Amino acid sequence: MTQSKIMLAAAAGALALSGSPALAKGCIRGAVAGGVAGHYAGHHAIAGAMAGCAAGHYYYKHKANVAAQKQAQAAHPGAAPAHQ
């Protein structure tokens, strides 16, 4: 049981360090918040940290995409917005 927790923590750490700085920041912040929430929700800190990392990664990726779209729109004000 303890060895699996160590392996999960190592995998989450590797994931956090593998992305770009903005996305790693989202993973680290989400993992900290998720770990604390998981700890208080029945001692599930590792699962909470993994879920928080995924949520933080998604949030900052989305935030970066929105900023890039706004920057592109500001550079080309007459162009139609791109739909995803």
Protein backbone atom coordinates (compact mmCIF):
# COMPACT_ATOMS: atom_id res chain seq x y z
CA MET A 1 0.00 0.00 0.00
CA THR A 2 2.75 2.45 0.92
CA GLN A 3 4.79 1.58 -2.15
CA SER A 4 1.82 2.36 -4.42
CA LYS A 5 1.41 5.76 -2.77
CA ILE A 6 5.08 6.51 -3.36
CA MET A 7 4.76 5.48 -7.01
CA LEU A 8 1.68 7.68 -7.47
CA ALA A 9 3.43 10.63 -5.87
CA ALA A 10 6.46 10.12 -8.11
CA ALA A 11 4.25 9.94 -11.20
CA ALA A 12 2.40 13.11 -10.20
CA GLY A 13 5.72 14.87 -9.61
CA ALA A 14 7.03 13.79 -13.00
CA LEU A 15 3.84 15.04 -14.64
CA ALA A 16 4.17 18.37 -12.87
CA LEU A 17 7.72 18.87 -14.07
CA SER A 18 7.16 17.70 -17.65
CA GLY A 19 4.89 20.51 -18.90
CA SER A 20 5.49 24.13 -19.67
CA PRO A 21 5.95 26.44 -16.67
CA ALA A 22 2.37 27.77 -16.77
CA LEU A 23 0.87 24.30 -16.92
CA ALA A 24 3.22 22.97 -14.25
CA LYS A 25 2.17 25.87 -12.04
CA GLY A 26 -1.45 24.82 -12.49
CA CYS A 27 -0.63 21.23 -11.64
CA ILE A 28 1.34 22.14 -8.54
CA ARG A 29 -1.26 24.59 -7.25
CA GLY A 30 -4.08 22.15 -7.98
CA ALA A 31 -2.20 19.26 -6.39
CA VAL A 32 -1.64 21.22 -3.19
CA ALA A 33 -5.30 22.26 -2.97
CA GLY A 34 -6.54 18.79 -3.92
CA GLY A 35 -4.19 17.12 -1.46
CA VAL A 36 -5.43 19.25 1.41
CA ALA A 37 -9.07 18.73 0.42
CA GLY A 38 -8.51 14.99 0.01
CA HIS A 39 -6.82 14.76 3.38
CA TYR A 40 -9.79 16.33 5.13
CA ALA A 41 -12.26 14.25 3.08
CA GLY A 42 -11.30 10.90 4.53
CA HIS A 43 -7.51 10.71 4.19
CA HIS A 44 -7.46 10.58 0.38
CA ALA A 45 -4.64 13.09 -0.06
CA ILE A 46 -2.93 11.29 -2.96
CA ALA A 47 -6.15 10.91 -4.96
CA GLY A 48 -7.03 14.54 -4.21
CA ALA A 49 -3.61 15.71 -5.32
CA MET A 50 -3.88 13.79 -8.60
CA ALA A 51 -7.36 15.17 -9.31
CA GLY A 52 -6.25 18.67 -8.33
CA CYS A 53 -3.25 18.43 -10.64
CA ALA A 54 -5.49 17.47 -13.55
CA ALA A 55 -7.98 20.26 -12.76
CA GLY A 56 -5.24 22.87 -12.37
CA HIS A 57 -3.58 21.74 -15.61
CA TYR A 58 -6.89 22.10 -17.46
CA TYR A 59 -7.61 25.50 -15.92
CA TYR A 60 -4.27 27.05 -16.85
CA LYS A 61 -4.31 25.49 -20.33
CA HIS A 62 -7.75 26.99 -20.92
CA LYS A 63 -6.61 30.35 -19.51
CA ALA A 64 -3.58 30.36 -21.84
CA ASN A 65 -5.78 29.56 -24.86
CA VAL A 66 -8.19 32.40 -24.04
CA ALA A 67 -5.29 34.83 -23.64
CA ALA A 68 -3.83 33.72 -26.99
CA GLN A 69 -7.20 34.23 -28.70
CA LYS A 70 -7.54 37.72 -27.19
CA GLN A 71 -4.01 38.58 -28.29
CA ALA A 72 -4.70 37.33 -31.82
CA GLN A 73 -7.95 39.33 -31.92
CA ALA A 74 -6.12 42.47 -30.78
CA ALA A 75 -3.47 41.96 -33.47
CA HIS A 76 -6.09 41.47 -36.21
CA PRO A 77 -9.24 43.36 -35.18
CA GLY A 78 -11.07 42.78 -38.51
CA ALA A 79 -10.64 39.00 -38.53
CA ALA A 80 -13.47 36.70 -37.52
CA PRO A 81 -12.96 34.83 -34.22
CA ALA A 82 -11.92 31.20 -34.48
CA HIS A 83 -14.45 28.67 -33.17
CA GLN A 84 -13.31 25.51 -31.44
